[in-house]
Amino acid sequence: MDTITYDDFAKLDIRIGTVRAAERVPETDKLIKCTIDFGELGERTIVSGIALFRNPEDLIGKQLPYIVNLEPRLLKGIESQGMLLAASPGGEGLALLLPDTEVPNGTRLK
């Protein structure tokens, strides 16, 4: 495993956002496009490769952690403005990381 410095880690801006809308990306098996509410940071579109493990409608209303300071990336013609953080137990499946209590949208993880 490669290591990074604390300064490298500190560059990541990880925030909690609430999924307001979610839909499968047409002509793909893996992608879901979500509209995420980050409070004062506004709403963002984020595309995640989780459709094999979750239905879009099951994501709506969930608070999830996202990296919000990544350079935007085009995925199937959609600009994704961040990255969902999730776990893959044993390299398969998907475990969403949820706060154990509701927090304001845009709350930064430290």
N, C-alpha and C. Protein backbone atom coordinates (compact mmCIF):
# COMPACT_ATOMS: atom_id res chain seq x y z
N MET A 1 0.84 -1.16 0.00
CA MET A 1 0.00 0.00 0.00
C MET A 1 0.90 1.24 0.00
N ASP A 2 0.59 2.16 -0.91
CA ASP A 2 1.31 3.42 -0.95
C ASP A 2 0.80 4.32 0.16
N THR A 3 1.69 5.11 0.72
CA THR A 3 1.28 6.06 1.74
C THR A 3 1.31 7.48 1.17
N ILE A 4 0.55 8.36 1.79
CA ILE A 4 0.55 9.77 1.42
C ILE A 4 0.84 10.58 2.68
N THR A 5 1.19 11.83 2.49
CA THR A 5 1.44 12.68 3.64
C THR A 5 0.11 13.21 4.16
N TYR A 6 0.13 13.70 5.39
CA TYR A 6 -1.06 14.33 5.95
C TYR A 6 -1.47 15.51 5.08
N ASP A 7 -0.49 16.27 4.59
CA ASP A 7 -0.80 17.42 3.73
C ASP A 7 -1.55 17.00 2.47
N ASP A 8 -1.20 15.83 1.91
CA ASP A 8 -1.93 15.32 0.74
C ASP A 8 -3.38 15.02 1.12
N PHE A 9 -3.57 14.35 2.25
CA PHE A 9 -4.92 14.01 2.71
C PHE A 9 -5.73 15.28 2.98
N ALA A 10 -5.10 16.28 3.56
CA ALA A 10 -5.79 17.52 3.92
C ALA A 10 -6.31 18.27 2.70
N LYS A 11 -5.79 17.95 1.53
CA LYS A 11 -6.26 18.59 0.29
C LYS A 11 -7.66 18.11 -0.10
N LEU A 12 -8.07 16.94 0.39
CA LEU A 12 -9.39 16.42 0.05
C LEU A 12 -10.47 17.17 0.81
N ASP A 13 -11.48 17.62 0.09
CA ASP A 13 -12.63 18.27 0.72
C ASP A 13 -13.79 17.28 0.67
N ILE A 14 -14.04 16.62 1.80
CA ILE A 14 -15.07 15.59 1.88
C ILE A 14 -16.26 16.18 2.63
N ARG A 15 -17.42 16.17 1.99
CA ARG A 15 -18.62 16.78 2.57
C ARG A 15 -19.79 15.80 2.55
N ILE A 16 -20.71 16.01 3.47
CA ILE A 16 -21.96 15.25 3.49
C ILE A 16 -22.98 15.99 2.63
N GLY A 17 -23.65 15.24 1.77
CA GLY A 17 -24.72 15.80 0.95
C GLY A 17 -25.91 14.86 0.93
N THR A 18 -27.09 15.43 0.68
CA THR A 18 -28.31 14.64 0.60
C THR A 18 -28.70 14.43 -0.86
N VAL A 19 -28.98 13.19 -1.22
CA VAL A 19 -29.40 12.86 -2.58
C VAL A 19 -30.84 13.38 -2.77
N ARG A 20 -31.03 14.28 -3.70
CA ARG A 20 -32.35 14.86 -3.98
C ARG A 20 -33.03 14.17 -5.17
N ALA A 21 -32.22 13.69 -6.14
CA ALA A 21 -32.75 12.99 -7.31
C ALA A 21 -31.70 11.99 -7.76
N ALA A 22 -32.17 10.88 -8.33
CA ALA A 22 -31.25 9.84 -8.82
C ALA A 22 -31.90 9.10 -9.97
N GLU A 23 -31.09 8.80 -10.98
CA GLU A 23 -31.58 8.04 -12.14
C GLU A 23 -30.43 7.30 -12.79
N ARG A 24 -30.79 6.18 -13.41
CA ARG A 24 -29.78 5.43 -14.17
C ARG A 24 -29.34 6.23 -15.38
N VAL A 25 -28.07 6.11 -15.71
CA VAL A 25 -27.57 6.74 -16.93
C VAL A 25 -27.91 5.81 -18.08
N PRO A 26 -28.64 6.32 -19.09
CA PRO A 26 -29.04 5.47 -20.22
C PRO A 26 -27.84 4.80 -20.90
N GLU A 27 -28.09 3.60 -21.38
CA GLU A 27 -27.11 2.81 -22.13
C GLU A 27 -25.88 2.43 -21.32
N THR A 28 -26.03 2.37 -19.98
CA THR A 28 -24.97 1.86 -19.12
C THR A 28 -25.58 0.90 -18.11
N ASP A 29 -24.76 -0.01 -17.61
CA ASP A 29 -25.21 -0.95 -16.58
C ASP A 29 -24.81 -0.50 -15.18
N LYS A 30 -23.78 0.35 -15.08
CA LYS A 30 -23.18 0.64 -13.79
C LYS A 30 -23.46 2.04 -13.24
N LEU A 31 -23.83 2.98 -14.07
CA LEU A 31 -23.84 4.38 -13.65
C LEU A 31 -25.20 4.90 -13.19
N ILE A 32 -25.16 5.66 -12.10
CA ILE A 32 -26.32 6.39 -11.60
C ILE A 32 -25.94 7.86 -11.50
N LYS A 33 -26.80 8.72 -12.04
CA LYS A 33 -26.60 10.18 -11.94
C LYS A 33 -27.46 10.69 -10.80
N CYS A 34 -26.82 11.40 -9.87
CA CYS A 34 -27.53 11.94 -8.71
C CYS A 34 -27.39 13.46 -8.65
N THR A 35 -28.43 14.10 -8.15
CA THR A 35 -28.38 15.51 -7.80
C THR A 35 -28.23 15.55 -6.29
N ILE A 36 -27.15 16.19 -5.83
CA ILE A 36 -26.81 16.19 -4.42
C ILE A 36 -26.91 17.61 -3.87
N ASP A 37 -27.57 17.75 -2.73
CA ASP A 37 -27.69 19.04 -2.04
C ASP A 37 -26.57 19.15 -1.02
N PHE A 38 -25.68 20.13 -1.23
CA PHE A 38 -24.57 20.38 -0.31
C PHE A 38 -24.77 21.67 0.48
N GLY A 39 -26.01 22.03 0.74
CA GLY A 39 -26.29 23.22 1.55
C GLY A 39 -25.76 24.48 0.89
N GLU A 40 -24.91 25.22 1.61
CA GLU A 40 -24.38 26.49 1.11
C GLU A 40 -23.51 26.31 -0.14
N LEU A 41 -22.99 25.11 -0.36
CA LEU A 41 -22.20 24.85 -1.59
C LEU A 41 -23.10 24.67 -2.80
N GLY A 42 -24.40 24.55 -2.58
CA GLY A 42 -25.35 24.38 -3.68
C GLY A 42 -25.54 22.92 -4.05
N GLU A 43 -26.23 22.72 -5.17
CA GLU A 43 -26.46 21.37 -5.69
C GLU A 43 -25.41 21.03 -6.73
N ARG A 44 -25.07 19.75 -6.79
CA ARG A 44 -24.12 19.25 -7.79
C ARG A 44 -24.65 17.96 -8.39
N THR A 45 -24.22 17.72 -9.61
CA THR A 45 -24.49 16.45 -10.27
C THR A 45 -23.26 15.57 -10.08
N ILE A 46 -23.50 14.36 -9.57
CA ILE A 46 -22.40 13.42 -9.37
C ILE A 46 -22.84 12.07 -9.92
N VAL A 47 -21.98 11.50 -10.77
CA VAL A 47 -22.24 10.19 -11.38
C VAL A 47 -21.39 9.16 -10.65
N SER A 48 -22.02 8.07 -10.23
CA SER A 48 -21.33 7.02 -9.49
C SER A 48 -21.58 5.66 -10.14
N GLY A 49 -20.59 4.80 -10.09
CA GLY A 49 -20.70 3.46 -10.67
C GLY A 49 -21.25 2.45 -9.69
N ILE A 50 -22.48 2.67 -9.24
CA ILE A 50 -23.04 1.81 -8.18
C ILE A 50 -24.34 1.12 -8.58
N ALA A 51 -24.74 1.23 -9.84
CA ALA A 51 -26.05 0.71 -10.27
C ALA A 51 -26.17 -0.81 -10.18
N LEU A 52 -25.06 -1.52 -10.12
CA LEU A 52 -25.14 -2.98 -9.96
C LEU A 52 -25.55 -3.36 -8.54
N PHE A 53 -25.43 -2.41 -7.61
CA PHE A 53 -25.65 -2.70 -6.20
C PHE A 53 -26.81 -1.93 -5.56
N ARG A 54 -27.22 -0.83 -6.19
CA ARG A 54 -28.28 0.00 -5.62
C ARG A 54 -29.23 0.47 -6.72
N ASN A 55 -30.50 0.62 -6.36
CA ASN A 55 -31.48 1.22 -7.26
C ASN A 55 -31.51 2.72 -6.99
N PRO A 56 -31.66 3.53 -8.05
CA PRO A 56 -31.66 4.99 -7.85
C PRO A 56 -32.67 5.45 -6.81
N GLU A 57 -33.87 4.89 -6.83
CA GLU A 57 -34.91 5.36 -5.91
C GLU A 57 -34.55 5.09 -4.44
N ASP A 58 -33.68 4.10 -4.19
CA ASP A 58 -33.27 3.80 -2.82
C ASP A 58 -32.27 4.82 -2.26
N LEU A 59 -31.68 5.63 -3.13
CA LEU A 59 -30.69 6.61 -2.71
C LEU A 59 -31.32 7.94 -2.29
N ILE A 60 -32.49 8.23 -2.81
CA ILE A 60 -33.12 9.53 -2.57
C ILE A 60 -33.37 9.73 -1.08
N GLY A 61 -32.91 10.88 -0.59
CA GLY A 61 -33.05 11.23 0.82
C GLY A 61 -31.89 10.80 1.70
N LYS A 62 -30.99 9.98 1.18
CA LYS A 62 -29.85 9.52 1.98
C LYS A 62 -28.78 10.60 2.05
N GLN A 63 -28.15 10.71 3.21
CA GLN A 63 -26.99 11.58 3.37
C GLN A 63 -25.74 10.72 3.20
N LEU A 64 -24.86 11.15 2.30
CA LEU A 64 -23.68 10.37 1.96
C LEU A 64 -22.46 11.28 1.86
N PRO A 65 -21.24 10.71 2.03
CA PRO A 65 -20.03 11.51 1.91
C PRO A 65 -19.51 11.54 0.46
N TYR A 66 -19.08 12.72 0.06
CA TYR A 66 -18.55 12.94 -1.30
C TYR A 66 -17.29 13.77 -1.23
N ILE A 67 -16.35 13.48 -2.13
CA ILE A 67 -15.22 14.37 -2.35
C ILE A 67 -15.72 15.44 -3.31
N VAL A 68 -15.66 16.71 -2.89
CA VAL A 68 -16.26 17.77 -3.69
C VAL A 68 -15.24 18.66 -4.39
N ASN A 69 -13.95 18.43 -4.16
CA ASN A 69 -12.97 19.29 -4.82
C ASN A 69 -12.15 18.56 -5.89
N LEU A 70 -12.72 17.52 -6.45
CA LEU A 70 -12.10 16.85 -7.60
C LEU A 70 -12.38 17.66 -8.86
N GLU A 71 -11.46 17.59 -9.78
CA GLU A 71 -11.69 18.20 -11.09
C GLU A 71 -12.89 17.51 -11.73
N PRO A 72 -13.85 18.26 -12.28
CA PRO A 72 -15.01 17.62 -12.93
C PRO A 72 -14.56 16.65 -14.03
N ARG A 73 -15.37 15.61 -14.23
CA ARG A 73 -15.04 14.59 -15.23
C ARG A 73 -16.29 14.24 -16.01
N LEU A 74 -16.13 14.08 -17.31
CA LEU A 74 -17.26 13.68 -18.15
C LEU A 74 -17.41 12.16 -18.14
N LEU A 75 -18.59 11.70 -17.78
CA LEU A 75 -18.91 10.27 -17.81
C LEU A 75 -20.16 10.10 -18.66
N LYS A 76 -20.01 9.46 -19.80
CA LYS A 76 -21.12 9.25 -20.73
C LYS A 76 -21.82 10.57 -21.07
N GLY A 77 -21.01 11.62 -21.23
CA GLY A 77 -21.54 12.92 -21.62
C GLY A 77 -22.11 13.75 -20.49
N ILE A 78 -22.01 13.26 -19.25
CA ILE A 78 -22.52 13.98 -18.08
C ILE A 78 -21.33 14.45 -17.25
N GLU A 79 -21.32 15.75 -16.90
CA GLU A 79 -20.25 16.25 -16.06
C GLU A 79 -20.50 15.85 -14.61
N SER A 80 -19.58 15.05 -14.06
CA SER A 80 -19.66 14.64 -12.66
C SER A 80 -18.79 15.58 -11.85
N GLN A 81 -19.39 16.17 -10.82
CA GLN A 81 -18.73 17.22 -10.05
C GLN A 81 -18.34 16.75 -8.65
N GLY A 82 -17.87 15.53 -8.54
CA GLY A 82 -17.44 14.99 -7.26
C GLY A 82 -17.40 13.48 -7.31
N MET A 83 -17.13 12.86 -6.16
CA MET A 83 -17.05 11.39 -6.09
C MET A 83 -17.65 10.89 -4.79
N LEU A 84 -18.52 9.92 -4.91
CA LEU A 84 -19.11 9.24 -3.75
C LEU A 84 -18.05 8.39 -3.07
N LEU A 85 -18.04 8.41 -1.74
CA LEU A 85 -17.19 7.51 -0.97
C LEU A 85 -18.04 6.36 -0.47
N ALA A 86 -17.61 5.13 -0.73
CA ALA A 86 -18.33 3.93 -0.30
C ALA A 86 -17.30 2.82 -0.10
N ALA A 87 -17.70 1.77 0.57
CA ALA A 87 -16.82 0.63 0.82
C ALA A 87 -17.23 -0.54 -0.06
N SER A 88 -16.24 -1.37 -0.39
CA SER A 88 -16.49 -2.57 -1.16
C SER A 88 -15.98 -3.76 -0.34
N PRO A 89 -16.84 -4.31 0.52
CA PRO A 89 -16.39 -5.40 1.40
C PRO A 89 -15.89 -6.61 0.62
N GLY A 90 -14.68 -7.01 0.89
CA GLY A 90 -14.11 -8.16 0.21
C GLY A 90 -13.93 -7.95 -1.28
N GLY A 91 -13.96 -6.70 -1.73
CA GLY A 91 -13.79 -6.41 -3.15
C GLY A 91 -15.05 -6.60 -3.97
N GLU A 92 -16.13 -6.98 -3.31
CA GLU A 92 -17.41 -7.17 -4.01
C GLU A 92 -18.53 -6.52 -3.22
N GLY A 93 -19.58 -6.18 -3.91
CA GLY A 93 -20.71 -5.56 -3.23
C GLY A 93 -20.44 -4.09 -2.96
N LEU A 94 -21.33 -3.48 -2.18
CA LEU A 94 -21.21 -2.05 -1.89
C LEU A 94 -21.81 -1.76 -0.53
N ALA A 95 -21.07 -1.04 0.30
CA ALA A 95 -21.57 -0.57 1.58
C ALA A 95 -21.54 0.95 1.56
N LEU A 96 -22.71 1.56 1.65
CA LEU A 96 -22.77 3.02 1.72
C LEU A 96 -22.38 3.46 3.12
N LEU A 97 -21.71 4.59 3.21
CA LEU A 97 -21.27 5.14 4.49
C LEU A 97 -22.24 6.25 4.89
N LEU A 98 -22.99 6.01 5.94
CA LEU A 98 -24.05 6.94 6.35
C LEU A 98 -23.72 7.53 7.72
N PRO A 99 -23.96 8.85 7.92
CA PRO A 99 -23.82 9.39 9.27
C PRO A 99 -24.82 8.72 10.21
N ASP A 100 -24.45 8.54 11.46
CA ASP A 100 -25.39 7.89 12.39
C ASP A 100 -26.42 8.85 12.95
N THR A 101 -26.32 10.12 12.59
CA THR A 101 -27.32 11.11 12.92
C THR A 101 -27.34 12.14 11.78
N GLU A 102 -28.47 12.76 11.54
CA GLU A 102 -28.57 13.73 10.44
C GLU A 102 -27.68 14.93 10.75
N VAL A 103 -26.97 15.40 9.72
CA VAL A 103 -26.10 16.56 9.85
C VAL A 103 -26.48 17.57 8.77
N PRO A 104 -26.14 18.85 8.95
CA PRO A 104 -26.45 19.83 7.91
C PRO A 104 -25.74 19.48 6.61
N ASN A 105 -26.45 19.64 5.48
CA ASN A 105 -25.81 19.40 4.19
C ASN A 105 -24.61 20.32 4.04
N GLY A 106 -23.54 19.76 3.50
CA GLY A 106 -22.31 20.52 3.32
C GLY A 106 -21.34 20.39 4.47
N THR A 107 -21.73 19.64 5.53
CA THR A 107 -20.83 19.44 6.66
C THR A 107 -19.54 18.77 6.18
N ARG A 108 -18.43 19.34 6.59
CA ARG A 108 -17.12 18.82 6.17
C ARG A 108 -16.67 17.70 7.12
N LEU A 109 -16.14 16.62 6.56
CA LEU A 109 -15.56 15.54 7.36
C LEU A 109 -14.13 15.93 7.71
N LYS A 110 -13.75 15.62 8.93
CA LYS A 110 -12.40 15.97 9.40
C LYS A 110 -11.69 14.76 9.90
